[in-house]
Amino acid sequence: MKKQKKKTAESIVKEIKRHTRRKFNSEEKTRIIIEGLRGEDNITSICRKESINPNLYSNST
């Protein structure tokens, strides 16, 4: 008989976030980057619209 380990609240939250994390395909990534390169909007407004952290955008360029 196996003993079940009791999960902490923190580990449960991390697991939920991992499974619900938004995943961008390559087309979406390209579209967001090109939109930023056009310069029509600033990066923060693009990131706000796409619900991503501006630091994540700057790491991808």
N, C-alpha and C. Protein backbone atom coordinates (compact mmCIF):
# COMPACT_ATOMS: atom_id res chain seq x y z
N MET A 1 0.84 -1.18 0.00
CA MET A 1 0.00 0.00 0.00
C MET A 1 0.88 1.24 0.00
N LYS A 2 0.60 2.16 -0.90
CA LYS A 2 1.41 3.37 -1.01
C LYS A 2 0.86 4.45 -0.09
N LYS A 3 1.79 5.18 0.49
CA LYS A 3 1.40 6.33 1.29
C LYS A 3 1.34 7.54 0.39
N GLN A 4 0.29 8.32 0.50
CA GLN A 4 0.19 9.53 -0.28
C GLN A 4 0.84 10.67 0.49
N LYS A 5 1.71 11.40 -0.21
CA LYS A 5 2.34 12.55 0.41
C LYS A 5 1.37 13.71 0.36
N LYS A 6 1.33 14.44 1.44
CA LYS A 6 0.45 15.59 1.51
C LYS A 6 1.13 16.75 0.79
N LYS A 7 0.45 17.32 -0.19
CA LYS A 7 1.00 18.43 -0.95
C LYS A 7 0.74 19.73 -0.20
N THR A 8 1.72 20.59 -0.26
CA THR A 8 1.54 21.90 0.36
C THR A 8 0.73 22.78 -0.58
N ALA A 9 0.18 23.82 -0.04
CA ALA A 9 -0.61 24.75 -0.85
C ALA A 9 0.26 25.38 -1.92
N GLU A 10 1.50 25.69 -1.58
CA GLU A 10 2.41 26.30 -2.54
C GLU A 10 2.68 25.38 -3.72
N SER A 11 2.89 24.10 -3.47
CA SER A 11 3.16 23.17 -4.57
C SER A 11 1.92 22.96 -5.44
N ILE A 12 0.75 23.02 -4.84
CA ILE A 12 -0.49 22.90 -5.61
C ILE A 12 -0.66 24.09 -6.53
N VAL A 13 -0.39 25.30 -6.02
CA VAL A 13 -0.51 26.51 -6.83
C VAL A 13 0.49 26.49 -7.98
N LYS A 14 1.73 26.08 -7.72
CA LYS A 14 2.74 25.99 -8.77
C LYS A 14 2.31 25.01 -9.85
N GLU A 15 1.75 23.90 -9.45
CA GLU A 15 1.31 22.89 -10.41
C GLU A 15 0.16 23.43 -11.28
N ILE A 16 -0.77 24.13 -10.68
CA ILE A 16 -1.88 24.72 -11.43
C ILE A 16 -1.37 25.75 -12.42
N LYS A 17 -0.44 26.62 -11.98
CA LYS A 17 0.11 27.63 -12.87
C LYS A 17 0.85 26.99 -14.03
N ARG A 18 1.56 25.91 -13.77
CA ARG A 18 2.31 25.23 -14.81
C ARG A 18 1.37 24.67 -15.88
N HIS A 19 0.22 24.17 -15.46
CA HIS A 19 -0.71 23.58 -16.41
C HIS A 19 -1.56 24.62 -17.13
N THR A 20 -1.71 25.79 -16.56
CA THR A 20 -2.55 26.81 -17.18
C THR A 20 -1.74 27.92 -17.83
N ARG A 21 -0.44 27.77 -17.87
CA ARG A 21 0.43 28.77 -18.47
C ARG A 21 0.10 28.92 -19.95
N ARG A 22 0.06 30.15 -20.41
CA ARG A 22 -0.26 30.42 -21.80
C ARG A 22 0.93 30.09 -22.68
N LYS A 23 0.69 29.35 -23.73
CA LYS A 23 1.76 28.95 -24.64
C LYS A 23 1.53 29.60 -25.99
N PHE A 24 2.54 30.31 -26.47
CA PHE A 24 2.47 30.98 -27.75
C PHE A 24 3.12 30.10 -28.81
N ASN A 25 2.45 29.97 -29.95
CA ASN A 25 3.10 29.25 -31.04
C ASN A 25 4.00 30.23 -31.79
N SER A 26 4.76 29.74 -32.73
CA SER A 26 5.75 30.58 -33.41
C SER A 26 5.09 31.71 -34.21
N GLU A 27 3.91 31.48 -34.75
CA GLU A 27 3.23 32.52 -35.51
C GLU A 27 2.81 33.69 -34.61
N GLU A 28 2.31 33.36 -33.41
CA GLU A 28 1.93 34.41 -32.47
C GLU A 28 3.14 35.21 -32.01
N LYS A 29 4.24 34.51 -31.74
CA LYS A 29 5.46 35.19 -31.32
C LYS A 29 5.95 36.14 -32.40
N THR A 30 5.93 35.66 -33.64
CA THR A 30 6.38 36.50 -34.76
C THR A 30 5.49 37.72 -34.91
N ARG A 31 4.19 37.53 -34.81
CA ARG A 31 3.25 38.64 -34.94
C ARG A 31 3.48 39.69 -33.88
N ILE A 32 3.71 39.27 -32.64
CA ILE A 32 3.93 40.22 -31.54
C ILE A 32 5.24 40.98 -31.75
N ILE A 33 6.30 40.29 -32.15
CA ILE A 33 7.59 40.94 -32.38
C ILE A 33 7.50 41.95 -33.52
N ILE A 34 6.86 41.56 -34.63
CA ILE A 34 6.72 42.47 -35.77
C ILE A 34 5.89 43.69 -35.39
N GLU A 35 4.86 43.48 -34.61
CA GLU A 35 4.04 44.60 -34.14
C GLU A 35 4.88 45.57 -33.33
N GLY A 36 5.81 45.06 -32.54
CA GLY A 36 6.70 45.93 -31.77
C GLY A 36 7.72 46.64 -32.65
N LEU A 37 8.19 45.96 -33.68
CA LEU A 37 9.18 46.56 -34.57
C LEU A 37 8.58 47.66 -35.45
N ARG A 38 7.31 47.57 -35.73
CA ARG A 38 6.65 48.61 -36.53
C ARG A 38 6.70 49.96 -35.83
N GLY A 39 6.61 49.93 -34.51
CA GLY A 39 6.71 51.17 -33.75
C GLY A 39 5.42 51.97 -33.65
N GLU A 40 4.31 51.40 -34.10
CA GLU A 40 3.04 52.12 -34.02
C GLU A 40 2.58 52.27 -32.57
N ASP A 41 2.79 51.25 -31.77
CA ASP A 41 2.49 51.28 -30.33
C ASP A 41 3.77 51.07 -29.57
N ASN A 42 3.79 51.52 -28.31
CA ASN A 42 4.97 51.24 -27.51
C ASN A 42 4.90 49.82 -26.97
N ILE A 43 6.02 49.32 -26.53
CA ILE A 43 6.15 47.93 -26.11
C ILE A 43 5.24 47.61 -24.93
N THR A 44 5.12 48.54 -23.99
CA THR A 44 4.30 48.25 -22.81
C THR A 44 2.83 48.07 -23.17
N SER A 45 2.33 48.85 -24.12
CA SER A 45 0.92 48.70 -24.51
C SER A 45 0.70 47.39 -25.27
N ILE A 46 1.68 46.99 -26.08
CA ILE A 46 1.58 45.71 -26.79
C ILE A 46 1.57 44.56 -25.77
N CYS A 47 2.46 44.64 -24.81
CA CYS A 47 2.54 43.59 -23.79
C CYS A 47 1.27 43.55 -22.94
N ARG A 48 0.74 44.71 -22.63
CA ARG A 48 -0.50 44.76 -21.86
C ARG A 48 -1.64 44.13 -22.65
N LYS A 49 -1.71 44.43 -23.94
CA LYS A 49 -2.76 43.89 -24.80
C LYS A 49 -2.66 42.37 -24.92
N GLU A 50 -1.43 41.85 -25.00
CA GLU A 50 -1.19 40.42 -25.15
C GLU A 50 -1.11 39.68 -23.81
N SER A 51 -1.18 40.42 -22.71
CA SER A 51 -1.09 39.86 -21.36
C SER A 51 0.24 39.13 -21.13
N ILE A 52 1.33 39.80 -21.51
CA ILE A 52 2.65 39.25 -21.23
C ILE A 52 3.48 40.29 -20.48
N ASN A 53 4.48 39.83 -19.77
CA ASN A 53 5.36 40.70 -19.03
C ASN A 53 6.32 41.38 -20.01
N PRO A 54 6.53 42.70 -19.89
CA PRO A 54 7.46 43.38 -20.80
C PRO A 54 8.87 42.80 -20.77
N ASN A 55 9.30 42.25 -19.65
CA ASN A 55 10.61 41.61 -19.58
C ASN A 55 10.66 40.38 -20.48
N LEU A 56 9.56 39.69 -20.60
CA LEU A 56 9.49 38.52 -21.46
C LEU A 56 9.63 38.94 -22.92
N TYR A 57 9.05 40.08 -23.27
CA TYR A 57 9.18 40.59 -24.64
C TYR A 57 10.62 40.94 -24.94
N SER A 58 11.26 41.64 -24.03
CA SER A 58 12.64 42.10 -24.30
C SER A 58 13.62 40.93 -24.36
N ASN A 59 13.32 39.82 -23.71
CA ASN A 59 14.18 38.63 -23.80
C ASN A 59 14.05 37.94 -25.14
N SER A 60 12.93 38.13 -25.82
CA SER A 60 12.70 37.42 -27.07
C SER A 60 13.25 38.15 -28.28
N THR A 61 13.60 39.43 -28.13
CA THR A 61 14.09 40.19 -29.28
C THR A 61 15.59 40.08 -29.41
